[in-house]
């Protein structure tokens, strides 16, 4: 495994850890770094194709988890917004008749 592939693997592990901690700022930063490192690893003439394939498959798993976590967060936020809207409407009705 060459240096570019090792850097990508290390960044992927850090991304997975940040995702587990729901540290969204770090996830965003590491996502950008992963994109750059994937490009570098793909352009490297000395790359080990099998090792790179394995690393990219691991990254695919991390990104599947990331997408799932984002969808879950989106659903939770949508539920909170709906609850706030209902509370606001209730307050408006109370003000009309209060």
PDB file of N, CA and C in Angstrom:
ATOM      1  N   UNK A   1       0.857  -1.175   0.000  1.00  0.00           N
ATOM      2  CA  UNK A   1       0.000   0.000   0.000  1.00  0.00           C
ATOM      3  C   UNK A   1       0.901   1.236   0.000  1.00  0.00           C
ATOM      4  N   UNK A   2       0.668   2.111  -0.963  1.00  0.00           N
ATOM      5  CA  UNK A   2       1.519   3.293  -1.050  1.00  0.00           C
ATOM      6  C   UNK A   2       1.035   4.395  -0.100  1.00  0.00           C
ATOM      7  N   UNK A   3       1.757   5.493  -0.117  1.00  0.00           N
ATOM      8  CA  UNK A   3       1.491   6.579   0.832  1.00  0.00           C
ATOM      9  C   UNK A   3       0.107   7.197   0.620  1.00  0.00           C
ATOM     10  N   UNK A   4      -0.296   7.405  -0.636  1.00  0.00           N
ATOM     11  CA  UNK A   4      -1.604   8.006  -0.917  1.00  0.00           C
ATOM     12  C   UNK A   4      -2.731   7.099  -0.427  1.00  0.00           C
ATOM     13  N   UNK A   5      -2.566   5.801  -0.632  1.00  0.00           N
ATOM     14  CA  UNK A   5      -3.593   4.861  -0.186  1.00  0.00           C
ATOM     15  C   UNK A   5      -3.641   4.774   1.337  1.00  0.00           C
ATOM     16  N   UNK A   6      -2.490   4.826   1.968  1.00  0.00           N
ATOM     17  CA  UNK A   6      -2.446   4.788   3.432  1.00  0.00           C
ATOM     18  C   UNK A   6      -3.100   6.035   4.020  1.00  0.00           C
ATOM     19  N   UNK A   7      -2.832   7.190   3.403  1.00  0.00           N
ATOM     20  CA  UNK A   7      -3.450   8.433   3.870  1.00  0.00           C
ATOM     21  C   UNK A   7      -4.968   8.355   3.729  1.00  0.00           C
ATOM     22  N   UNK A   8      -5.435   7.798   2.618  1.00  0.00           N
ATOM     23  CA  UNK A   8      -6.872   7.650   2.394  1.00  0.00           C
ATOM     24  C   UNK A   8      -7.485   6.717   3.436  1.00  0.00           C
ATOM     25  N   UNK A   9      -6.816   5.628   3.715  1.00  0.00           N
ATOM     26  CA  UNK A   9      -7.318   4.677   4.716  1.00  0.00           C
ATOM     27  C   UNK A   9      -7.397   5.332   6.095  1.00  0.00           C
ATOM     28  N   UNK A  10      -6.362   6.076   6.461  1.00  0.00           N
ATOM     29  CA  UNK A  10      -6.337   6.763   7.753  1.00  0.00           C
ATOM     30  C   UNK A  10      -7.452   7.802   7.842  1.00  0.00           C
ATOM     31  N   UNK A  11      -7.650   8.551   6.767  1.00  0.00           N
ATOM     32  CA  UNK A  11      -8.707   9.559   6.749  1.00  0.00           C
ATOM     33  C   UNK A  11     -10.080   8.901   6.824  1.00  0.00           C
ATOM     34  N   UNK A  12     -10.239   7.772   6.160  1.00  0.00           N
ATOM     35  CA  UNK A  12     -11.503   7.036   6.225  1.00  0.00           C
ATOM     36  C   UNK A  12     -11.813   6.569   7.633  1.00  0.00           C
ATOM     37  N   UNK A  13     -10.790   6.110   8.334  1.00  0.00           N
ATOM     38  CA  UNK A  13     -10.980   5.682   9.722  1.00  0.00           C
ATOM     39  C   UNK A  13     -11.364   6.868  10.601  1.00  0.00           C
ATOM     40  N   UNK A  14     -10.724   8.010  10.367  1.00  0.00           N
ATOM     41  CA  UNK A  14     -11.056   9.216  11.131  1.00  0.00           C
ATOM     42  C   UNK A  14     -12.478   9.674  10.817  1.00  0.00           C
ATOM     43  N   UNK A  15     -12.875   9.556   9.560  1.00  0.00           N
ATOM     44  CA  UNK A  15     -14.232   9.924   9.152  1.00  0.00           C
ATOM     45  C   UNK A  15     -15.255   9.029   9.848  1.00  0.00           C
ATOM     46  N   UNK A  16     -14.978   7.755   9.904  1.00  0.00           N
ATOM     47  CA  UNK A  16     -15.869   6.812  10.576  1.00  0.00           C
ATOM     48  C   UNK A  16     -15.989   7.140  12.066  1.00  0.00           C
ATOM     49  N   UNK A  17     -14.887   7.488  12.687  1.00  0.00           N
ATOM     50  CA  UNK A  17     -14.897   7.857  14.104  1.00  0.00           C
ATOM     51  C   UNK A  17     -15.705   9.137  14.329  1.00  0.00           C
ATOM     52  N   UNK A  18     -15.483  10.142  13.485  1.00  0.00           N
ATOM     53  CA  UNK A  18     -16.224  11.402  13.610  1.00  0.00           C
ATOM     54  C   UNK A  18     -17.716  11.174  13.401  1.00  0.00           C
ATOM     55  N   UNK A  19     -18.052  10.300  12.475  1.00  0.00           N
ATOM     56  CA  UNK A  19     -19.456   9.967  12.235  1.00  0.00           C
ATOM     57  C   UNK A  19     -20.063   9.316  13.468  1.00  0.00           C
ATOM     58  N   UNK A  20     -19.336   8.399  14.074  1.00  0.00           N
ATOM     59  CA  UNK A  20     -19.814   7.737  15.283  1.00  0.00           C
ATOM     60  C   UNK A  20     -20.058   8.709  16.423  1.00  0.00           C
ATOM     61  N   UNK A  21     -19.278   9.785  16.461  1.00  0.00           N
ATOM     62  CA  UNK A  21     -19.424  10.805  17.503  1.00  0.00           C
ATOM     63  C   UNK A  21     -20.386  11.915  17.088  1.00  0.00           C
ATOM     64  N   UNK A  22     -20.922  11.814  15.882  1.00  0.00           N
ATOM     65  CA  UNK A  22     -21.802  12.828  15.297  1.00  0.00           C
ATOM     66  C   UNK A  22     -21.170  14.218  15.344  1.00  0.00           C
ATOM     67  N   UNK A  23     -19.884  14.253  15.046  1.00  0.00           N
ATOM     68  CA  UNK A  23     -19.138  15.510  14.958  1.00  0.00           C
ATOM     69  C   UNK A  23     -19.217  15.976  13.506  1.00  0.00           C
ATOM     70  N   UNK A  24     -20.293  16.686  13.183  1.00  0.00           N
ATOM     71  CA  UNK A  24     -20.607  16.998  11.795  1.00  0.00           C
ATOM     72  C   UNK A  24     -19.610  17.956  11.163  1.00  0.00           C
ATOM     73  N   UNK A  25     -19.027  18.847  11.936  1.00  0.00           N
ATOM     74  CA  UNK A  25     -18.018  19.756  11.386  1.00  0.00           C
ATOM     75  C   UNK A  25     -16.794  18.964  10.932  1.00  0.00           C
ATOM     76  N   UNK A  26     -16.345  18.049  11.769  1.00  0.00           N
ATOM     77  CA  UNK A  26     -15.201  17.210  11.415  1.00  0.00           C
ATOM     78  C   UNK A  26     -15.547  16.300  10.245  1.00  0.00           C
ATOM     79  N   UNK A  27     -16.759  15.777  10.216  1.00  0.00           N
ATOM     80  CA  UNK A  27     -17.189  14.933   9.094  1.00  0.00           C
ATOM     81  C   UNK A  27     -17.085  15.716   7.786  1.00  0.00           C
ATOM     82  N   UNK A  28     -17.560  16.952   7.788  1.00  0.00           N
ATOM     83  CA  UNK A  28     -17.506  17.770   6.571  1.00  0.00           C
ATOM     84  C   UNK A  28     -16.063  18.012   6.132  1.00  0.00           C
ATOM     85  N   UNK A  29     -15.199  18.310   7.086  1.00  0.00           N
ATOM     86  CA  UNK A  29     -13.791  18.556   6.753  1.00  0.00           C
ATOM     87  C   UNK A  29     -13.124  17.294   6.217  1.00  0.00           C
ATOM     88  N   UNK A  30     -13.381  16.172   6.857  1.00  0.00           N
ATOM     89  CA  UNK A  30     -12.774  14.911   6.422  1.00  0.00           C
ATOM     90  C   UNK A  30     -13.344  14.445   5.087  1.00  0.00           C
ATOM     91  N   UNK A  31     -14.601  14.755   4.830  1.00  0.00           N
ATOM     92  CA  UNK A  31     -15.199  14.412   3.539  1.00  0.00           C
ATOM     93  C   UNK A  31     -14.451  15.115   2.408  1.00  0.00           C
ATOM     94  N   UNK A  32     -14.177  16.390   2.585  1.00  0.00           N
ATOM     95  CA  UNK A  32     -13.416  17.130   1.568  1.00  0.00           C
ATOM     96  C   UNK A  32     -12.027  16.536   1.389  1.00  0.00           C
ATOM     97  N   UNK A  33     -11.389  16.207   2.498  1.00  0.00           N
ATOM     98  CA  UNK A  33     -10.057  15.619   2.440  1.00  0.00           C
ATOM     99  C   UNK A  33     -10.093  14.260   1.740  1.00  0.00           C
ATOM    100  N   UNK A  34     -11.107  13.455   2.028  1.00  0.00           N
ATOM    101  CA  UNK A  34     -11.245  12.142   1.377  1.00  0.00           C
ATOM    102  C   UNK A  34     -11.360  12.289  -0.132  1.00  0.00           C
ATOM    103  N   UNK A  35     -12.124  13.255  -0.575  1.00  0.00           N
ATOM    104  CA  UNK A  35     -12.290  13.470  -2.016  1.00  0.00           C
ATOM    105  C   UNK A  35     -10.947  13.772  -2.672  1.00  0.00           C
ATOM    106  N   UNK A  36     -10.170  14.627  -2.042  1.00  0.00           N
ATOM    107  CA  UNK A  36      -8.844  14.956  -2.569  1.00  0.00           C
ATOM    108  C   UNK A  36      -7.942  13.725  -2.577  1.00  0.00           C
ATOM    109  N   UNK A  37      -7.985  12.970  -1.499  1.00  0.00           N
ATOM    110  CA  UNK A  37      -7.107  11.806  -1.386  1.00  0.00           C
ATOM    111  C   UNK A  37      -7.513  10.690  -2.343  1.00  0.00           C
ATOM    112  N   UNK A  38      -8.782  10.560  -2.626  1.00  0.00           N
ATOM    113  CA  UNK A  38      -9.218   9.574  -3.618  1.00  0.00           C
ATOM    114  C   UNK A  38      -8.655   9.947  -4.981  1.00  0.00           C
ATOM    115  N   UNK A  39      -8.753  11.226  -5.330  1.00  0.00           N
ATOM    116  CA  UNK A  39      -8.181  11.677  -6.603  1.00  0.00           C
ATOM    117  C   UNK A  39      -6.688  11.386  -6.666  1.00  0.00           C
ATOM    118  N   UNK A  40      -5.975  11.690  -5.585  1.00  0.00           N
ATOM    119  CA  UNK A  40      -4.530  11.452  -5.554  1.00  0.00           C
ATOM    120  C   UNK A  40      -4.208   9.969  -5.685  1.00  0.00           C
ATOM    121  N   UNK A  41      -4.949   9.135  -4.980  1.00  0.00           N
ATOM    122  CA  UNK A  41      -4.693   7.693  -5.020  1.00  0.00           C
ATOM    123  C   UNK A  41      -4.980   7.123  -6.407  1.00  0.00           C
ATOM    124  N   UNK A  42      -6.009   7.635  -7.065  1.00  0.00           N
ATOM    125  CA  UNK A  42      -6.348   7.147  -8.401  1.00  0.00           C
ATOM    126  C   UNK A  42      -5.314   7.584  -9.442  1.00  0.00           C
ATOM    127  N   UNK A  43      -4.709   8.742  -9.241  1.00  0.00           N
ATOM    128  CA  UNK A  43      -3.734   9.266 -10.197  1.00  0.00           C
ATOM    129  C   UNK A  43      -2.335   8.711  -9.981  1.00  0.00           C
ATOM    130  N   UNK A  44      -2.098   8.091  -8.846  1.00  0.00           N
ATOM    131  CA  UNK A  44      -0.765   7.590  -8.512  1.00  0.00           C
ATOM    132  C   UNK A  44      -0.404   6.400  -9.401  1.00  0.00           C
ATOM    133  N   UNK A  45       0.693   6.536 -10.144  1.00  0.00           N
ATOM    134  CA  UNK A  45       1.132   5.461 -11.041  1.00  0.00           C
ATOM    135  C   UNK A  45       1.613   4.234 -10.275  1.00  0.00           C
ATOM    136  N   UNK A  46       2.046   4.429  -9.040  1.00  0.00           N
ATOM    137  CA  UNK A  46       2.587   3.326  -8.239  1.00  0.00           C
ATOM    138  C   UNK A  46       1.517   2.661  -7.375  1.00  0.00           C
ATOM    139  N   UNK A  47       0.259   2.902  -7.699  1.00  0.00           N
ATOM    140  CA  UNK A  47      -0.814   2.372  -6.845  1.00  0.00           C
ATOM    141  C   UNK A  47      -0.923   0.854  -6.964  1.00  0.00           C
ATOM    142  N   UNK A  48      -1.329   0.262  -5.881  1.00  0.00           N
ATOM    143  CA  UNK A  48      -1.624  -1.168  -5.826  1.00  0.00           C
ATOM    144  C   UNK A  48      -3.132  -1.282  -6.034  1.00  0.00           C
ATOM    145  N   UNK A  49      -3.533  -1.737  -7.203  1.00  0.00           N
ATOM    146  CA  UNK A  49      -4.944  -1.728  -7.582  1.00  0.00           C
ATOM    147  C   UNK A  49      -5.812  -2.518  -6.604  1.00  0.00           C
ATOM    148  N   UNK A  50      -5.343  -3.666  -6.163  1.00  0.00           N
ATOM    149  CA  UNK A  50      -6.140  -4.483  -5.244  1.00  0.00           C
ATOM    150  C   UNK A  50      -6.281  -3.816  -3.877  1.00  0.00           C
ATOM    151  N   UNK A  51      -5.193  -3.256  -3.383  1.00  0.00           N
ATOM    152  CA  UNK A  51      -5.246  -2.571  -2.088  1.00  0.00           C
ATOM    153  C   UNK A  51      -6.143  -1.339  -2.179  1.00  0.00           C
ATOM    154  N   UNK A  52      -6.031  -0.613  -3.289  1.00  0.00           N
ATOM    155  CA  UNK A  52      -6.868   0.570  -3.476  1.00  0.00           C
ATOM    156  C   UNK A  52      -8.339   0.163  -3.556  1.00  0.00           C
ATOM    157  N   UNK A  53      -8.611  -0.913  -4.233  1.00  0.00           N
ATOM    158  CA  UNK A  53      -9.985  -1.406  -4.336  1.00  0.00           C
ATOM    159  C   UNK A  53     -10.538  -1.719  -2.944  1.00  0.00           C
ATOM    160  N   UNK A  54      -9.745  -2.385  -2.126  1.00  0.00           N
ATOM    161  CA  UNK A  54     -10.179  -2.697  -0.767  1.00  0.00           C
ATOM    162  C   UNK A  54     -10.434  -1.449   0.056  1.00  0.00           C
ATOM    163  N   UNK A  55      -9.547  -0.475  -0.070  1.00  0.00           N
ATOM    164  CA  UNK A  55      -9.711   0.786   0.659  1.00  0.00           C
ATOM    165  C   UNK A  55     -10.965   1.510   0.198  1.00  0.00           C
ATOM    166  N   UNK A  56     -11.194   1.535  -1.114  1.00  0.00           N
ATOM    167  CA  UNK A  56     -12.382   2.209  -1.641  1.00  0.00           C
ATOM    168  C   UNK A  56     -13.664   1.490  -1.219  1.00  0.00           C
ATOM    169  N   UNK A  57     -13.619   0.176  -1.113  1.00  0.00           N
ATOM    170  CA  UNK A  57     -14.786  -0.560  -0.626  1.00  0.00           C
ATOM    171  C   UNK A  57     -15.065  -0.222   0.838  1.00  0.00           C
ATOM    172  N   UNK A  58     -14.009  -0.060   1.625  1.00  0.00           N
ATOM    173  CA  UNK A  58     -14.190   0.356   3.018  1.00  0.00           C
ATOM    174  C   UNK A  58     -14.794   1.753   3.074  1.00  0.00           C
ATOM    175  N   UNK A  59     -14.307   2.637   2.199  1.00  0.00           N
ATOM    176  CA  UNK A  59     -14.840   4.000   2.155  1.00  0.00           C
ATOM    177  C   UNK A  59     -16.314   3.984   1.760  1.00  0.00           C
ATOM    178  N   UNK A  60     -16.669   3.098   0.854  1.00  0.00           N
ATOM    179  CA  UNK A  60     -18.062   2.971   0.441  1.00  0.00           C
ATOM    180  C   UNK A  60     -18.943   2.616   1.639  1.00  0.00           C
ATOM    181  N   UNK A  61     -18.467   1.725   2.482  1.00  0.00           N
ATOM    182  CA  UNK A  61     -19.207   1.373   3.691  1.00  0.00           C
ATOM    183  C   UNK A  61     -19.361   2.554   4.634  1.00  0.00           C
ATOM    184  N   UNK A  62     -18.294   3.330   4.790  1.00  0.00           N
ATOM    185  CA  UNK A  62     -18.350   4.519   5.649  1.00  0.00           C
ATOM    186  C   UNK A  62     -19.369   5.509   5.095  1.00  0.00           C
ATOM    187  N   UNK A  63     -19.354   5.716   3.779  1.00  0.00           N
ATOM    188  CA  UNK A  63     -20.294   6.668   3.182  1.00  0.00           C
ATOM    189  C   UNK A  63     -21.733   6.158   3.233  1.00  0.00           C
ATOM    190  N   UNK A  64     -21.933   4.857   3.181  1.00  0.00           N
ATOM    191  CA  UNK A  64     -23.292   4.321   3.372  1.00  0.00           C
ATOM    192  C   UNK A  64     -23.783   4.652   4.779  1.00  0.00           C
ATOM    193  N   UNK A  65     -22.911   4.455   5.755  1.00  0.00           N
ATOM    194  CA  UNK A  65     -23.262   4.789   7.139  1.00  0.00           C
ATOM    195  C   UNK A  65     -23.528   6.283   7.281  1.00  0.00           C
ATOM    196  N   UNK A  66     -22.722   7.091   6.603  1.00  0.00           N
ATOM    197  CA  UNK A  66     -22.873   8.543   6.658  1.00  0.00           C
ATOM    198  C   UNK A  66     -24.221   8.968   6.077  1.00  0.00           C
ATOM    199  N   UNK A  67     -24.581   8.404   4.945  1.00  0.00           N
ATOM    200  CA  UNK A  67     -25.864   8.735   4.326  1.00  0.00           C
ATOM    201  C   UNK A  67     -27.012   8.333   5.242  1.00  0.00           C
ATOM    202  N   UNK A  68     -26.920   7.165   5.829  1.00  0.00           N
ATOM    203  CA  UNK A  68     -27.957   6.696   6.747  1.00  0.00           C
ATOM    204  C   UNK A  68     -28.085   7.628   7.950  1.00  0.00           C
ATOM    205  N   UNK A  69     -26.957   8.038   8.513  1.00  0.00           N
ATOM    206  CA  UNK A  69     -26.977   8.944   9.670  1.00  0.00           C
ATOM    207  C   UNK A  69     -27.564  10.300   9.289  1.00  0.00           C
ATOM    208  N   UNK A  70     -27.234  10.788   8.107  1.00  0.00           N
ATOM    209  CA  UNK A  70     -27.774  12.076   7.658  1.00  0.00           C
ATOM    210  C   UNK A  70     -29.281  11.995   7.454  1.00  0.00           C
ATOM    211  N   UNK A  71     -29.746  10.894   6.883  1.00  0.00           N
ATOM    212  CA  UNK A  71     -31.183  10.725   6.694  1.00  0.00           C
ATOM    213  C   UNK A  71     -31.904  10.658   8.036  1.00  0.00           C
ATOM    214  N   UNK A  72     -31.304   9.986   9.001  1.00  0.00           N
ATOM    215  CA  UNK A  72     -31.908   9.899  10.326  1.00  0.00           C
ATOM    216  C   UNK A  72     -31.962  11.282  10.976  1.00  0.00           C
ATOM    217  N   UNK A  73     -30.884  12.043  10.865  1.00  0.00           N
ATOM    218  CA  UNK A  73     -30.861  13.401  11.419  1.00  0.00           C
ATOM    219  C   UNK A  73     -31.920  14.266  10.751  1.00  0.00           C
ATOM    220  N   UNK A  74     -32.056  14.119   9.442  1.00  0.00           N
ATOM    221  CA  UNK A  74     -33.046  14.889   8.699  1.00  0.00           C
ATOM    222  C   UNK A  74     -34.458  14.581   9.200  1.00  0.00           C
ATOM    223  N   UNK A  75     -34.747  13.309   9.422  1.00  0.00           N
ATOM    224  CA  UNK A  75     -36.062  12.914   9.915  1.00  0.00           C
ATOM    225  C   UNK A  75     -36.319  13.464  11.314  1.00  0.00           C
ATOM    226  N   UNK A  76     -35.298  13.435  12.160  1.00  0.00           N
ATOM    227  CA  UNK A  76     -35.455  13.957  13.516  1.00  0.00           C
ATOM    228  C   UNK A  76     -35.702  15.461  13.498  1.00  0.00           C
ATOM    229  N   UNK A  77     -34.980  16.165  12.653  1.00  0.00           N
ATOM    230  CA  UNK A  77     -35.155  17.619  12.556  1.00  0.00           C
ATOM    231  C   UNK A  77     -36.528  17.950  11.984  1.00  0.00           C
ATOM    232  N   UNK A  78     -36.964  17.192  10.986  1.00  0.00           N
ATOM    233  CA  UNK A  78     -38.295  17.412  10.412  1.00  0.00           C
ATOM    234  C   UNK A  78     -39.376  17.201  11.469  1.00  0.00           C
ATOM    235  N   UNK A  79     -39.221  16.185  12.294  1.00  0.00           N
ATOM    236  CA  UNK A  79     -40.193  15.931  13.362  1.00  0.00           C
ATOM    237  C   UNK A  79     -40.209  17.086  14.361  1.00  0.00           C
ATOM    238  N   UNK A  80     -39.034  17.602  14.700  1.00  0.00           N
ATOM    239  CA  UNK A  80     -38.963  18.744  15.619  1.00  0.00           C
ATOM    240  C   UNK A  80     -39.634  19.969  15.017  1.00  0.00           C
ATOM    241  N   UNK A  81     -39.403  20.215  13.735  1.00  0.00           N
ATOM    242  CA  UNK A  81     -40.024  21.368  13.080  1.00  0.00           C
ATOM    243  C   UNK A  81     -41.544  21.243  13.057  1.00  0.00           C
ATOM    244  N   UNK A  82     -42.034  20.047  12.782  1.00  0.00           N
ATOM    245  CA  UNK A  82     -43.487  19.832  12.800  1.00  0.00           C
ATOM    246  C   UNK A  82     -44.059  20.084  14.186  1.00  0.00           C
ATOM    247  N   UNK A  83     -43.351  19.653  15.195  1.00  0.00           N
ATOM    248  CA  UNK A  83     -43.796  19.869  16.570  1.00  0.00           C
ATOM    249  C   UNK A  83     -43.809  21.367  16.898  1.00  0.00           C
ATOM    250  N   UNK A  84     -42.800  22.084  16.458  1.00  0.00           N
ATOM    251  CA  UNK A  84     -42.754  23.529  16.688  1.00  0.00           C
ATOM    252  C   UNK A  84     -43.887  24.244  15.963  1.00  0.00           C
ATOM    253  N   UNK A  85     -44.193  23.815  14.750  1.00  0.00           N
ATOM    254  CA  UNK A  85     -45.290  24.431  13.996  1.00  0.00           C
ATOM    255  C   UNK A  85     -46.621  24.218  14.705  1.00  0.00           C
ATOM    256  N   UNK A  86     -46.835  23.000  15.216  1.00  0.00           N
ATOM    257  CA  UNK A  86     -48.073  22.720  15.943  1.00  0.00           C
ATOM    258  C   UNK A  86     -48.167  23.572  17.206  1.00  0.00           C
ATOM    259  N   UNK A  87     -47.060  23.711  17.893  1.00  0.00           N
ATOM    260  CA  UNK A  87     -47.052  24.525  19.113  1.00  0.00           C
ATOM    261  C   UNK A  87     -47.322  25.988  18.782  1.00  0.00           C
ATOM    262  N   UNK A  88     -46.765  26.457  17.680  1.00  0.00           N
ATOM    263  CA  UNK A  88     -46.973  27.848  17.275  1.00  0.00           C
ATOM    264  C   UNK A  88     -48.440  28.077  16.908  1.00  0.00           C
ATOM    265  N   UNK A  89     -49.036  27.141  16.196  1.00  0.00           N
ATOM    266  CA  UNK A  89     -50.453  27.270  15.840  1.00  0.00           C
ATOM    267  C   UNK A  89     -51.324  27.250  17.088  1.00  0.00           C
ATOM    268  N   UNK A  90     -50.967  26.400  18.038  1.00  0.00           N
ATOM    269  CA  UNK A  90     -51.708  26.355  19.296  1.00  0.00           C
ATOM    270  C   UNK A  90     -51.609  27.668  20.048  1.00  0.00           C
ATOM    271  N   UNK A  91     -50.447  28.270  20.036  1.00  0.00           N
ATOM    272  CA  UNK A  91     -50.260  29.558  20.708  1.00  0.00           C
ATOM    273  C   UNK A  91     -51.064  30.645  20.017  1.00  0.00           C
ATOM    274  N   UNK A  92     -51.139  30.598  18.692  1.00  0.00           N
ATOM    275  CA  UNK A  92     -51.918  31.596  17.955  1.00  0.00           C
ATOM    276  C   UNK A  92     -53.406  31.471  18.272  1.00  0.00           C
ATOM    277  N   UNK A  93     -53.900  30.252  18.360  1.00  0.00           N
ATOM    278  CA  UNK A  93     -55.310  30.032  18.709  1.00  0.00           C
ATOM    279  C   UNK A  93     -55.571  30.534  20.123  1.00  0.00           C
ATOM    280  N   UNK A  94     -54.672  30.265  21.022  1.00  0.00           N
ATOM    281  CA  UNK A  94     -54.817  30.715  22.404  1.00  0.00           C
ATOM    282  C   UNK A  94     -54.872  32.245  22.457  1.00  0.00           C
ATOM    283  N   UNK A  95     -54.030  32.911  21.665  1.00  0.00           N
ATOM    284  CA  UNK A  95     -54.023  34.374  21.651  1.00  0.00           C
ATOM    285  C   UNK A  95     -55.328  34.927  21.081  1.00  0.00           C
ATOM    286  N   UNK A  96     -55.907  34.247  20.103  1.00  0.00           N
ATOM    287  CA  UNK A  96     -57.168  34.708  19.519  1.00  0.00           C
ATOM    288  C   UNK A  96     -58.302  34.668  20.529  1.00  0.00           C
ATOM    289  N   UNK A  97     -58.333  33.621  21.334  1.00  0.00           N
ATOM    290  CA  UNK A  97     -59.438  33.441  22.269  1.00  0.00           C
ATOM    291  C   UNK A  97     -59.084  33.829  23.700  1.00  0.00           C
ATOM    292  N   UNK A  98     -57.824  34.178  23.934  1.00  0.00           N
ATOM    293  CA  UNK A  98     -57.389  34.475  25.291  1.00  0.00           C
ATOM    294  C   UNK A  98     -57.491  35.888  25.593  1.00  0.00           C
TER     295      UNK A  98
END
